[in-house]
Amino acid sequence: MDVQSLSGRDLDAMVAQHVFGLVVEPRDNSRTGQHDFVYEVHPGQWVRVAYYASSMSASITLEVALKDRGWTRKAETGGNWSGPSDVHVTLEHMDGRTVEATGRLNDALCRAALKAVAL
């Protein structure tokens, strides 16, 4: 999987599946017609995958899940307050392993998380 090329709902779906272990399925949103992803919470009951790459609360949930696995965000470089720009995120595991990713902040965090769980 080329993590760096993932974005938007595709990135959210991969995080839900690989970091949180959810059973994810693609669905078209019946209201908007847009491509989306859902996961099963109970047999026959499906809800939308969280917006990990664009929601601050969902990205905090992701950081907590990473912390539970021994990963901590150690560095974030680049970016500025005047507008969105790419940053470089580094995650470090308690055993010394590191992973890095770039992109908008939450995208970079999601990409780094996918790299971390692949190790």
PDB file of N, CA and C in Angstrom:
ATOM      1  N   MET A   1       0.844  -1.173   0.000  1.00  0.00           N
ATOM      2  CA  MET A   1       0.000   0.000   0.000  1.00  0.00           C
ATOM      3  C   MET A   1       0.889   1.236   0.000  1.00  0.00           C
ATOM      4  N   ASP A   2       0.625   2.162  -0.923  1.00  0.00           N
ATOM      5  CA  ASP A   2       1.368   3.419  -1.004  1.00  0.00           C
ATOM      6  C   ASP A   2       0.657   4.446  -0.126  1.00  0.00           C
ATOM      7  N   VAL A   3       1.071   4.510   1.129  1.00  0.00           N
ATOM      8  CA  VAL A   3       0.418   5.350   2.125  1.00  0.00           C
ATOM      9  C   VAL A   3       0.454   6.817   1.733  1.00  0.00           C
ATOM     10  N   GLN A   4       1.541   7.268   1.143  1.00  0.00           N
ATOM     11  CA  GLN A   4       1.687   8.690   0.841  1.00  0.00           C
ATOM     12  C   GLN A   4       0.669   9.169  -0.193  1.00  0.00           C
ATOM     13  N   SER A   5       0.147   8.265  -1.013  1.00  0.00           N
ATOM     14  CA  SER A   5      -0.810   8.678  -2.037  1.00  0.00           C
ATOM     15  C   SER A   5      -2.253   8.674  -1.530  1.00  0.00           C
ATOM     16  N   LEU A   6      -2.493   8.145  -0.327  1.00  0.00           N
ATOM     17  CA  LEU A   6      -3.845   8.107   0.222  1.00  0.00           C
ATOM     18  C   LEU A   6      -4.266   9.472   0.751  1.00  0.00           C
ATOM     19  N   SER A   7      -5.539   9.811   0.568  1.00  0.00           N
ATOM     20  CA  SER A   7      -6.077  11.043   1.130  1.00  0.00           C
ATOM     21  C   SER A   7      -7.580  10.902   1.285  1.00  0.00           C
ATOM     22  N   GLY A   8      -8.174  11.865   1.952  1.00  0.00           N
ATOM     23  CA  GLY A   8      -9.628  11.923   2.095  1.00  0.00           C
ATOM     24  C   GLY A   8     -10.230  10.677   2.720  1.00  0.00           C
ATOM     25  N   ARG A   9     -11.377  10.284   2.195  1.00  0.00           N
ATOM     26  CA  ARG A   9     -12.112   9.157   2.764  1.00  0.00           C
ATOM     27  C   ARG A   9     -11.373   7.836   2.582  1.00  0.00           C
ATOM     28  N   ASP A  10     -10.553   7.710   1.530  1.00  0.00           N
ATOM     29  CA  ASP A  10      -9.763   6.496   1.359  1.00  0.00           C
ATOM     30  C   ASP A  10      -8.766   6.355   2.513  1.00  0.00           C
ATOM     31  N   LEU A  11      -8.151   7.459   2.914  1.00  0.00           N
ATOM     32  CA  LEU A  11      -7.218   7.452   4.040  1.00  0.00           C
ATOM     33  C   LEU A  11      -7.960   7.120   5.335  1.00  0.00           C
ATOM     34  N   ASP A  12      -9.127   7.720   5.533  1.00  0.00           N
ATOM     35  CA  ASP A  12      -9.945   7.426   6.719  1.00  0.00           C
ATOM     36  C   ASP A  12     -10.271   5.936   6.801  1.00  0.00           C
ATOM     37  N   ALA A  13     -10.665   5.348   5.670  1.00  0.00           N
ATOM     38  CA  ALA A  13     -11.045   3.934   5.643  1.00  0.00           C
ATOM     39  C   ALA A  13      -9.868   3.029   5.994  1.00  0.00           C
ATOM     40  N   MET A  14      -8.686   3.361   5.479  1.00  0.00           N
ATOM     41  CA  MET A  14      -7.505   2.547   5.786  1.00  0.00           C
ATOM     42  C   MET A  14      -7.133   2.645   7.264  1.00  0.00           C
ATOM     43  N   VAL A  15      -7.267   3.825   7.856  1.00  0.00           N
ATOM     44  CA  VAL A  15      -6.994   3.980   9.285  1.00  0.00           C
ATOM     45  C   VAL A  15      -7.992   3.155  10.098  1.00  0.00           C
ATOM     46  N   ALA A  16      -9.258   3.247   9.746  1.00  0.00           N
ATOM     47  CA  ALA A  16     -10.290   2.490  10.466  1.00  0.00           C
ATOM     48  C   ALA A  16     -10.009   0.986  10.400  1.00  0.00           C
ATOM     49  N   GLN A  17      -9.611   0.534   9.228  1.00  0.00           N
ATOM     50  CA  GLN A  17      -9.370  -0.889   9.044  1.00  0.00           C
ATOM     51  C   GLN A  17      -8.072  -1.354   9.694  1.00  0.00           C
ATOM     52  N   HIS A  18      -6.978  -0.649   9.447  1.00  0.00           N
ATOM     53  CA  HIS A  18      -5.664  -1.141   9.875  1.00  0.00           C
ATOM     54  C   HIS A  18      -5.264  -0.718  11.282  1.00  0.00           C
ATOM     55  N   VAL A  19      -5.692   0.437  11.736  1.00  0.00           N
ATOM     56  CA  VAL A  19      -5.338   0.880  13.087  1.00  0.00           C
ATOM     57  C   VAL A  19      -6.370   0.389  14.095  1.00  0.00           C
ATOM     58  N   PHE A  20      -7.651   0.531  13.748  1.00  0.00           N
ATOM     59  CA  PHE A  20      -8.709   0.185  14.693  1.00  0.00           C
ATOM     60  C   PHE A  20      -9.286  -1.207  14.485  1.00  0.00           C
ATOM     61  N   GLY A  21      -8.894  -1.887  13.415  1.00  0.00           N
ATOM     62  CA  GLY A  21      -9.335  -3.256  13.171  1.00  0.00           C
ATOM     63  C   GLY A  21     -10.810  -3.388  12.833  1.00  0.00           C
ATOM     64  N   LEU A  22     -11.400  -2.361  12.243  1.00  0.00           N
ATOM     65  CA  LEU A  22     -12.820  -2.387  11.923  1.00  0.00           C
ATOM     66  C   LEU A  22     -13.069  -3.062  10.579  1.00  0.00           C
ATOM     67  N   VAL A  23     -14.238  -3.668  10.444  1.00  0.00           N
ATOM     68  CA  VAL A  23     -14.658  -4.246   9.172  1.00  0.00           C
ATOM     69  C   VAL A  23     -15.273  -3.113   8.364  1.00  0.00           C
ATOM     70  N   VAL A  24     -14.564  -2.671   7.334  1.00  0.00           N
ATOM     71  CA  VAL A  24     -14.952  -1.494   6.565  1.00  0.00           C
ATOM     72  C   VAL A  24     -15.457  -1.919   5.190  1.00  0.00           C
ATOM     73  N   GLU A  25     -16.538  -1.263   4.748  1.00  0.00           N
ATOM     74  CA  GLU A  25     -17.078  -1.502   3.413  1.00  0.00           C
ATOM     75  C   GLU A  25     -17.316  -0.177   2.708  1.00  0.00           C
ATOM     76  N   PRO A  26     -17.039  -0.143   1.401  1.00  0.00           N
ATOM     77  CA  PRO A  26     -17.352   1.067   0.636  1.00  0.00           C
ATOM     78  C   PRO A  26     -18.864   1.150   0.399  1.00  0.00           C
ATOM     79  N   ARG A  27     -19.389   2.338   0.440  1.00  0.00           N
ATOM     80  CA  ARG A  27     -20.810   2.574   0.152  1.00  0.00           C
ATOM     81  C   ARG A  27     -20.933   3.932  -0.511  1.00  0.00           C
ATOM     82  N   ASP A  28     -21.931   4.053  -1.358  1.00  0.00           N
ATOM     83  CA  ASP A  28     -22.266   5.360  -1.909  1.00  0.00           C
ATOM     84  C   ASP A  28     -23.287   5.992  -0.989  1.00  0.00           C
ATOM     85  N   ASN A  29     -23.055   7.248  -0.611  1.00  0.00           N
ATOM     86  CA  ASN A  29     -23.978   7.969   0.247  1.00  0.00           C
ATOM     87  C   ASN A  29     -25.270   8.188  -0.524  1.00  0.00           C
ATOM     88  N   SER A  30     -26.377   7.643  -0.020  1.00  0.00           N
ATOM     89  CA  SER A  30     -27.647   7.715  -0.746  1.00  0.00           C
ATOM     90  C   SER A  30     -28.163   9.147  -0.857  1.00  0.00           C
ATOM     91  N   ARG A  31     -27.780  10.004   0.068  1.00  0.00           N
ATOM     92  CA  ARG A  31     -28.244  11.386   0.049  1.00  0.00           C
ATOM     93  C   ARG A  31     -27.436  12.242  -0.925  1.00  0.00           C
ATOM     94  N   THR A  32     -26.108  12.081  -0.906  1.00  0.00           N
ATOM     95  CA  THR A  32     -25.243  12.930  -1.725  1.00  0.00           C
ATOM     96  C   THR A  32     -24.744  12.248  -2.987  1.00  0.00           C
ATOM     97  N   GLY A  33     -24.794  10.926  -3.010  1.00  0.00           N
ATOM     98  CA  GLY A  33     -24.261  10.174  -4.146  1.00  0.00           C
ATOM     99  C   GLY A  33     -22.751  10.032  -4.118  1.00  0.00           C
ATOM    100  N   GLN A  34     -22.096  10.560  -3.074  1.00  0.00           N
ATOM    101  CA  GLN A  34     -20.644  10.491  -2.982  1.00  0.00           C
ATOM    102  C   GLN A  34     -20.196   9.151  -2.422  1.00  0.00           C
ATOM    103  N   HIS A  35     -18.991   8.762  -2.835  1.00  0.00           N
ATOM    104  CA  HIS A  35     -18.366   7.533  -2.346  1.00  0.00           C
ATOM    105  C   HIS A  35     -17.997   7.715  -0.876  1.00  0.00           C
ATOM    106  N   ASP A  36     -18.306   6.737  -0.047  1.00  0.00           N
ATOM    107  CA  ASP A  36     -18.041   6.833   1.386  1.00  0.00           C
ATOM    108  C   ASP A  36     -17.679   5.459   1.915  1.00  0.00           C
ATOM    109  N   PHE A  37     -17.421   5.361   3.212  1.00  0.00           N
ATOM    110  CA  PHE A  37     -17.088   4.100   3.849  1.00  0.00           C
ATOM    111  C   PHE A  37     -17.859   3.976   5.155  1.00  0.00           C
ATOM    112  N   VAL A  38     -18.267   2.750   5.472  1.00  0.00           N
ATOM    113  CA  VAL A  38     -18.975   2.447   6.707  1.00  0.00           C
ATOM    114  C   VAL A  38     -18.308   1.254   7.377  1.00  0.00           C
ATOM    115  N   TYR A  39     -18.597   1.075   8.676  1.00  0.00           N
ATOM    116  CA  TYR A  39     -18.125  -0.114   9.381  1.00  0.00           C
ATOM    117  C   TYR A  39     -19.265  -0.671  10.213  1.00  0.00           C
ATOM    118  N   GLU A  40     -19.165  -1.963  10.498  1.00  0.00           N
ATOM    119  CA  GLU A  40     -20.224  -2.661  11.210  1.00  0.00           C
ATOM    120  C   GLU A  40     -19.990  -2.580  12.714  1.00  0.00           C
ATOM    121  N   VAL A  41     -20.973  -2.033  13.450  1.00  0.00           N
ATOM    122  CA  VAL A  41     -20.867  -1.953  14.907  1.00  0.00           C
ATOM    123  C   VAL A  41     -21.567  -3.128  15.578  1.00  0.00           C
ATOM    124  N   HIS A  42     -22.620  -3.611  14.969  1.00  0.00           N
ATOM    125  CA  HIS A  42     -23.354  -4.807  15.388  1.00  0.00           C
ATOM    126  C   HIS A  42     -23.810  -5.481  14.110  1.00  0.00           C
ATOM    127  N   PRO A  43     -24.101  -6.764  14.145  1.00  0.00           N
ATOM    128  CA  PRO A  43     -24.554  -7.415  12.916  1.00  0.00           C
ATOM    129  C   PRO A  43     -25.715  -6.647  12.277  1.00  0.00           C
ATOM    130  N   GLY A  44     -25.492  -6.216  11.052  1.00  0.00           N
ATOM    131  CA  GLY A  44     -26.510  -5.488  10.311  1.00  0.00           C
ATOM    132  C   GLY A  44     -26.594  -4.002  10.608  1.00  0.00           C
ATOM    133  N   GLN A  45     -25.797  -3.499  11.546  1.00  0.00           N
ATOM    134  CA  GLN A  45     -25.828  -2.075  11.887  1.00  0.00           C
ATOM    135  C   GLN A  45     -24.501  -1.439  11.467  1.00  0.00           C
ATOM    136  N   TRP A  46     -24.579  -0.515  10.508  1.00  0.00           N
ATOM    137  CA  TRP A  46     -23.402   0.122   9.926  1.00  0.00           C
ATOM    138  C   TRP A  46     -23.415   1.617  10.205  1.00  0.00           C
ATOM    139  N   VAL A  47     -22.236   2.175  10.474  1.00  0.00           N
ATOM    140  CA  VAL A  47     -22.093   3.620  10.655  1.00  0.00           C
ATOM    141  C   VAL A  47     -20.919   4.112   9.821  1.00  0.00           C
ATOM    142  N   ARG A  48     -20.910   5.409   9.564  1.00  0.00           N
ATOM    143  CA  ARG A  48     -19.831   5.997   8.786  1.00  0.00           C
ATOM    144  C   ARG A  48     -18.496   5.901   9.510  1.00  0.00           C
ATOM    145  N   VAL A  49     -17.459   5.685   8.737  1.00  0.00           N
ATOM    146  CA  VAL A  49     -16.093   5.730   9.255  1.00  0.00           C
ATOM    147  C   VAL A  49     -15.812   7.171   9.667  1.00  0.00           C
ATOM    148  N   ALA A  50     -15.119   7.336  10.783  1.00  0.00           N
ATOM    149  CA  ALA A  50     -14.767   8.671  11.271  1.00  0.00           C
ATOM    150  C   ALA A  50     -13.872   9.397  10.272  1.00  0.00           C
ATOM    151  N   TYR A  51     -13.886  10.703  10.349  1.00  0.00           N
ATOM    152  CA  TYR A  51     -13.090  11.557   9.468  1.00  0.00           C
ATOM    153  C   TYR A  51     -11.731  11.820  10.122  1.00  0.00           C
ATOM    154  N   TYR A  52     -10.897  10.790  10.194  1.00  0.00           N
ATOM    155  CA  TYR A  52      -9.599  10.899  10.871  1.00  0.00           C
ATOM    156  C   TYR A  52      -8.703  11.962  10.230  1.00  0.00           C
ATOM    157  N   ALA A  53      -8.792  12.117   8.917  1.00  0.00           N
ATOM    158  CA  ALA A  53      -7.902  13.038   8.216  1.00  0.00           C
ATOM    159  C   ALA A  53      -8.400  14.477   8.217  1.00  0.00           C
ATOM    160  N   SER A  54      -9.614  14.717   8.715  1.00  0.00           N
ATOM    161  CA  SER A  54     -10.106  16.098   8.687  1.00  0.00           C
ATOM    162  C   SER A  54     -10.770  16.553   9.984  1.00  0.00           C
ATOM    163  N   SER A  55     -10.960  15.672  10.936  1.00  0.00           N
ATOM    164  CA  SER A  55     -11.621  16.031  12.196  1.00  0.00           C
ATOM    165  C   SER A  55     -10.618  15.999  13.345  1.00  0.00           C
ATOM    166  N   MET A  56     -10.560  17.089  14.086  1.00  0.00           N
ATOM    167  CA  MET A  56      -9.629  17.153  15.215  1.00  0.00           C
ATOM    168  C   MET A  56      -9.964  16.096  16.261  1.00  0.00           C
ATOM    169  N   SER A  57     -11.251  15.898  16.571  1.00  0.00           N
ATOM    170  CA  SER A  57     -11.611  14.910  17.597  1.00  0.00           C
ATOM    171  C   SER A  57     -11.262  13.499  17.145  1.00  0.00           C
ATOM    172  N   ALA A  58     -11.454  13.192  15.862  1.00  0.00           N
ATOM    173  CA  ALA A  58     -11.108  11.861  15.367  1.00  0.00           C
ATOM    174  C   ALA A  58      -9.595  11.662  15.370  1.00  0.00           C
ATOM    175  N   SER A  59      -8.836  12.719  15.071  1.00  0.00           N
ATOM    176  CA  SER A  59      -7.379  12.579  15.085  1.00  0.00           C
ATOM    177  C   SER A  59      -6.862  12.401  16.511  1.00  0.00           C
ATOM    178  N   ILE A  60      -7.542  12.985  17.484  1.00  0.00           N
ATOM    179  CA  ILE A  60      -7.162  12.762  18.891  1.00  0.00           C
ATOM    180  C   ILE A  60      -7.416  11.304  19.262  1.00  0.00           C
ATOM    181  N   THR A  61      -8.529  10.751  18.811  1.00  0.00           N
ATOM    182  CA  THR A  61      -8.825   9.331  19.035  1.00  0.00           C
ATOM    183  C   THR A  61      -7.724   8.471  18.430  1.00  0.00           C
ATOM    184  N   LEU A  62      -7.247   8.854  17.253  1.00  0.00           N
ATOM    185  CA  LEU A  62      -6.153   8.134  16.600  1.00  0.00           C
ATOM    186  C   LEU A  62      -4.875   8.216  17.429  1.00  0.00           C
ATOM    187  N   GLU A  63      -4.553   9.394  17.938  1.00  0.00           N
ATOM    188  CA  GLU A  63      -3.337   9.537  18.755  1.00  0.00           C
ATOM    189  C   GLU A  63      -3.416   8.696  20.028  1.00  0.00           C
ATOM    190  N   VAL A  64      -4.597   8.610  20.641  1.00  0.00           N
ATOM    191  CA  VAL A  64      -4.774   7.778  21.838  1.00  0.00           C
ATOM    192  C   VAL A  64      -4.555   6.307  21.486  1.00  0.00           C
ATOM    193  N   ALA A  65      -5.098   5.864  20.352  1.00  0.00           N
ATOM    194  CA  ALA A  65      -4.911   4.474  19.920  1.00  0.00           C
ATOM    195  C   ALA A  65      -3.435   4.181  19.668  1.00  0.00           C
ATOM    196  N   LEU A  66      -2.720   5.134  19.072  1.00  0.00           N
ATOM    197  CA  LEU A  66      -1.290   4.949  18.843  1.00  0.00           C
ATOM    198  C   LEU A  66      -0.527   4.890  20.157  1.00  0.00           C
ATOM    199  N   LYS A  67      -0.903   5.758  21.086  1.00  0.00           N
ATOM    200  CA  LYS A  67      -0.245   5.763  22.400  1.00  0.00           C
ATOM    201  C   LYS A  67      -0.432   4.419  23.105  1.00  0.00           C
ATOM    202  N   ASP A  68      -1.634   3.833  22.966  1.00  0.00           N
ATOM    203  CA  ASP A  68      -1.900   2.518  23.550  1.00  0.00           C
ATOM    204  C   ASP A  68      -1.007   1.436  22.943  1.00  0.00           C
ATOM    205  N   ARG A  69      -0.522   1.665  21.742  1.00  0.00           N
ATOM    206  CA  ARG A  69       0.370   0.720  21.057  1.00  0.00           C
ATOM    207  C   ARG A  69       1.838   1.069  21.265  1.00  0.00           C
ATOM    208  N   GLY A  70       2.109   2.107  22.059  1.00  0.00           N
ATOM    209  CA  GLY A  70       3.486   2.478  22.360  1.00  0.00           C
ATOM    210  C   GLY A  70       4.067   3.563  21.481  1.00  0.00           C
ATOM    211  N   TRP A  71       3.243   4.210  20.639  1.00  0.00           N
ATOM    212  CA  TRP A  71       3.716   5.256  19.728  1.00  0.00           C
ATOM    213  C   TRP A  71       3.372   6.641  20.267  1.00  0.00           C
ATOM    214  N   THR A  72       4.300   7.579  20.080  1.00  0.00           N
ATOM    215  CA  THR A  72       4.100   8.965  20.489  1.00  0.00           C
ATOM    216  C   THR A  72       4.517   9.881  19.346  1.00  0.00           C
ATOM    217  N   ARG A  73       3.740  10.937  19.147  1.00  0.00           N
ATOM    218  CA  ARG A  73       4.140  11.928  18.141  1.00  0.00           C
ATOM    219  C   ARG A  73       5.275  12.730  18.741  1.00  0.00           C
ATOM    220  N   LYS A  74       6.456  12.629  18.132  1.00  0.00           N
ATOM    221  CA  LYS A  74       7.650  13.276  18.674  1.00  0.00           C
ATOM    222  C   LYS A  74       7.955  14.604  18.012  1.00  0.00           C
ATOM    223  N   ALA A  75       7.619  14.717  16.757  1.00  0.00           N
ATOM    224  CA  ALA A  75       7.996  15.939  16.056  1.00  0.00           C
ATOM    225  C   ALA A  75       6.980  16.252  14.980  1.00  0.00           C
ATOM    226  N   GLU A  76       6.869  17.526  14.731  1.00  0.00           N
ATOM    227  CA  GLU A  76       6.006  18.011  13.657  1.00  0.00           C
ATOM    228  C   GLU A  76       6.685  19.277  13.169  1.00  0.00           C
ATOM    229  N   THR A  77       7.127  19.259  11.941  1.00  0.00           N
ATOM    230  CA  THR A  77       7.851  20.412  11.419  1.00  0.00           C
ATOM    231  C   THR A  77       7.182  20.925  10.158  1.00  0.00           C
ATOM    232  N   GLY A  78       7.338  22.208   9.906  1.00  0.00           N
ATOM    233  CA  GLY A  78       6.743  22.837   8.740  1.00  0.00           C
ATOM    234  C   GLY A  78       5.401  23.432   9.098  1.00  0.00           C
ATOM    235  N   GLY A  79       4.740  24.001   8.110  1.00  0.00           N
ATOM    236  CA  GLY A  79       3.424  24.582   8.339  1.00  0.00           C
ATOM    237  C   GLY A  79       3.518  25.967   8.946  1.00  0.00           C
ATOM    238  N   ASN A  80       2.397  26.662   8.886  1.00  0.00           N
ATOM    239  CA  ASN A  80       2.324  27.977   9.504  1.00  0.00           C
ATOM    240  C   ASN A  80       0.870  28.291   9.796  1.00  0.00           C
ATOM    241  N   TRP A  81       0.625  29.339  10.516  1.00  0.00           N
ATOM    242  CA  TRP A  81      -0.745  29.680  10.920  1.00  0.00           C
ATOM    243  C   TRP A  81      -1.511  30.433   9.841  1.00  0.00           C
ATOM    244  N   SER A  82      -0.844  30.868   8.793  1.00  0.00           N
ATOM    245  CA  SER A  82      -1.524  31.669   7.782  1.00  0.00           C
ATOM    246  C   SER A  82      -2.316  30.834   6.777  1.00  0.00           C
ATOM    247  N   GLY A  83      -2.155  29.544   6.804  1.00  0.00           N
ATOM    248  CA  GLY A  83      -2.914  28.704   5.897  1.00  0.00           C
ATOM    249  C   GLY A  83      -2.420  27.278   5.922  1.00  0.00           C
ATOM    250  N   PRO A  84      -3.193  26.377   5.289  1.00  0.00           N
ATOM    251  CA  PRO A  84      -2.782  24.970   5.295  1.00  0.00           C
ATOM    252  C   PRO A  84      -1.526  24.758   4.464  1.00  0.00           C
ATOM    253  N   SER A  85      -0.630  23.995   4.984  1.00  0.00           N
ATOM    254  CA  SER A  85       0.573  23.628   4.241  1.00  0.00           C
ATOM    255  C   SER A  85       1.059  22.294   4.775  1.00  0.00           C
ATOM    256  N   ASP A  86       1.975  21.717   4.067  1.00  0.00           N
ATOM    257  CA  ASP A  86       2.467  20.406   4.464  1.00  0.00           C
ATOM    258  C   ASP A  86       3.334  20.489   5.717  1.00  0.00           C
ATOM    259  N   VAL A  87       3.205  19.465   6.531  1.00  0.00           N
ATOM    260  CA  VAL A  87       4.052  19.299   7.711  1.00  0.00           C
ATOM    261  C   VAL A  87       4.672  17.915   7.642  1.00  0.00           C
ATOM    262  N   HIS A  88       5.663  17.721   8.435  1.00  0.00           N
ATOM    263  CA  HIS A  88       6.355  16.438   8.533  1.00  0.00           C
ATOM    264  C   HIS A  88       6.111  15.911   9.951  1.00  0.00           C
ATOM    265  N   VAL A  89       5.455  14.761  10.065  1.00  0.00           N
ATOM    266  CA  VAL A  89       5.136  14.173  11.370  1.00  0.00           C
ATOM    267  C   VAL A  89       6.031  12.968  11.601  1.00  0.00           C
ATOM    268  N   THR A  90       6.601  12.884  12.792  1.00  0.00           N
ATOM    269  CA  THR A  90       7.412  11.740  13.194  1.00  0.00           C
ATOM    270  C   THR A  90       6.774  11.091  14.408  1.00  0.00           C
ATOM    271  N   LEU A  91       6.557   9.786  14.323  1.00  0.00           N
ATOM    272  CA  LEU A  91       6.085   8.999  15.463  1.00  0.00           C
ATOM    273  C   LEU A  91       7.238   8.135  15.944  1.00  0.00           C
ATOM    274  N   GLU A  92       7.370   8.038  17.253  1.00  0.00           N
ATOM    275  CA  GLU A  92       8.431   7.212  17.831  1.00  0.00           C
ATOM    276  C   GLU A  92       7.803   6.177  18.755  1.00  0.00           C
ATOM    277  N   HIS A  93       8.235   4.932  18.593  1.00  0.00           N
ATOM    278  CA  HIS A  93       7.756   3.856  19.462  1.00  0.00           C
ATOM    279  C   HIS A  93       8.644   3.794  20.691  1.00  0.00           C
ATOM    280  N   MET A  94       8.093   3.270  21.776  1.00  0.00           N
ATOM    281  CA  MET A  94       8.871   3.185  23.022  1.00  0.00           C
ATOM    282  C   MET A  94      10.125   2.335  22.869  1.00  0.00           C
ATOM    283  N   ASP A  95      10.179   1.467  21.841  1.00  0.00           N
ATOM    284  CA  ASP A  95      11.376   0.652  21.633  1.00  0.00           C
ATOM    285  C   ASP A  95      12.394   1.329  20.711  1.00  0.00           C
ATOM    286  N   GLY A  96      12.098   2.581  20.293  1.00  0.00           N
ATOM    287  CA  GLY A  96      13.041   3.347  19.502  1.00  0.00           C
ATOM    288  C   GLY A  96      12.744   3.413  18.010  1.00  0.00           C
ATOM    289  N   ARG A  97      11.842   2.591  17.504  1.00  0.00           N
ATOM    290  CA  ARG A  97      11.487   2.657  16.087  1.00  0.00           C
ATOM    291  C   ARG A  97      10.818   3.997  15.782  1.00  0.00           C
ATOM    292  N   THR A  98      10.999   4.485  14.565  1.00  0.00           N
ATOM    293  CA  THR A  98      10.339   5.718  14.148  1.00  0.00           C
ATOM    294  C   THR A  98       9.720   5.534  12.771  1.00  0.00           C
ATOM    295  N   VAL A  99       8.658   6.289  12.539  1.00  0.00           N
ATOM    296  CA  VAL A  99       8.042   6.377  11.217  1.00  0.00           C
ATOM    297  C   VAL A  99       7.765   7.845  10.948  1.00  0.00           C
ATOM    298  N   GLU A 100       7.744   8.206   9.669  1.00  0.00           N
ATOM    299  CA  GLU A 100       7.535   9.596   9.292  1.00  0.00           C
ATOM    300  C   GLU A 100       6.569   9.670   8.124  1.00  0.00           C
ATOM    301  N   ALA A 101       5.868  10.803   8.040  1.00  0.00           N
ATOM    302  CA  ALA A 101       4.982  11.049   6.907  1.00  0.00           C
ATOM    303  C   ALA A 101       4.799  12.548   6.742  1.00  0.00           C
ATOM    304  N   THR A 102       4.416  12.952   5.540  1.00  0.00           N
ATOM    305  CA  THR A 102       4.191  14.364   5.263  1.00  0.00           C
ATOM    306  C   THR A 102       2.796  14.585   4.699  1.00  0.00           C
ATOM    307  N   GLY A 103       2.358  15.822   4.768  1.00  0.00           N
ATOM    308  CA  GLY A 103       1.052  16.217   4.262  1.00  0.00           C
ATOM    309  C   GLY A 103       0.445  17.232   5.203  1.00  0.00           C
ATOM    310  N   ARG A 104      -0.835  17.561   4.973  1.00  0.00           N
ATOM    311  CA  ARG A 104      -1.525  18.391   5.947  1.00  0.00           C
ATOM    312  C   ARG A 104      -1.491  17.635   7.268  1.00  0.00           C
ATOM    313  N   LEU A 105      -1.566  18.337   8.379  1.00  0.00           N
ATOM    314  CA  LEU A 105      -1.300  17.748   9.686  1.00  0.00           C
ATOM    315  C   LEU A 105      -2.035  16.429   9.927  1.00  0.00           C
ATOM    316  N   ASN A 106      -3.358  16.411   9.806  1.00  0.00           N
ATOM    317  CA  ASN A 106      -4.087  15.176  10.098  1.00  0.00           C
ATOM    318  C   ASN A 106      -3.811  14.096   9.062  1.00  0.00           C
ATOM    319  N   ASP A 107      -3.615  14.488   7.793  1.00  0.00           N
ATOM    320  CA  ASP A 107      -3.237  13.508   6.770  1.00  0.00           C
ATOM    321  C   ASP A 107      -1.907  12.867   7.131  1.00  0.00           C
ATOM    322  N   ALA A 108      -0.933  13.698   7.508  1.00  0.00           N
ATOM    323  CA  ALA A 108       0.390  13.188   7.852  1.00  0.00           C
ATOM    324  C   ALA A 108       0.321  12.261   9.069  1.00  0.00           C
ATOM    325  N   LEU A 109      -0.488  12.628  10.057  1.00  0.00           N
ATOM    326  CA  LEU A 109      -0.647  11.769  11.229  1.00  0.00           C
ATOM    327  C   LEU A 109      -1.252  10.423  10.823  1.00  0.00           C
ATOM    328  N   CYS A 110      -2.277  10.445   9.984  1.00  0.00           N
ATOM    329  CA  CYS A 110      -2.906   9.200   9.527  1.00  0.00           C
ATOM    330  C   CYS A 110      -1.920   8.333   8.748  1.00  0.00           C
ATOM    331  N   ARG A 111      -1.154   8.949   7.865  1.00  0.00           N
ATOM    332  CA  ARG A 111      -0.174   8.206   7.069  1.00  0.00           C
ATOM    333  C   ARG A 111       0.902   7.590   7.968  1.00  0.00           C
ATOM    334  N   ALA A 112       1.372   8.358   8.940  1.00  0.00           N
ATOM    335  CA  ALA A 112       2.368   7.834   9.872  1.00  0.00           C
ATOM    336  C   ALA A 112       1.780   6.690  10.690  1.00  0.00           C
ATOM    337  N   ALA A 113       0.529   6.813  11.094  1.00  0.00           N
ATOM    338  CA  ALA A 113      -0.130   5.742  11.859  1.00  0.00           C
ATOM    339  C   ALA A 113      -0.194   4.461  11.044  1.00  0.00           C
ATOM    340  N   LEU A 114      -0.529   4.566   9.773  1.00  0.00           N
ATOM    341  CA  LEU A 114      -0.574   3.369   8.918  1.00  0.00           C
ATOM    342  C   LEU A 114       0.806   2.729   8.779  1.00  0.00           C
ATOM    343  N   LYS A 115       1.827   3.556   8.674  1.00  0.00           N
ATOM    344  CA  LYS A 115       3.191   3.018   8.627  1.00  0.00           C
ATOM    345  C   LYS A 115       3.546   2.343   9.944  1.00  0.00           C
ATOM    346  N   ALA A 116       3.124   2.932  11.056  1.00  0.00           N
ATOM    347  CA  ALA A 116       3.453   2.380  12.371  1.00  0.00           C
ATOM    348  C   ALA A 116       2.830   1.005  12.577  1.00  0.00           C
ATOM    349  N   VAL A 117       1.577   0.844  12.193  1.00  0.00           N
ATOM    350  CA  VAL A 117       0.924  -0.452  12.421  1.00  0.00           C
ATOM    351  C   VAL A 117       1.381  -1.503  11.442  1.00  0.00           C
ATOM    352  N   ALA A 118       2.037  -1.081  10.346  1.00  0.00           N
ATOM    353  CA  ALA A 118       2.561  -2.032   9.372  1.00  0.00           C
ATOM    354  C   ALA A 118       3.880  -2.651   9.828  1.00  0.00           C
ATOM    355  N   LEU A 119       4.522  -2.048  10.833  1.00  0.00           N
ATOM    356  CA  LEU A 119       5.822  -2.573  11.321  1.00  0.00           C
ATOM    357  C   LEU A 119       5.638  -3.802  12.164  1.00  0.00           C
TER     358      LEU A 119
END
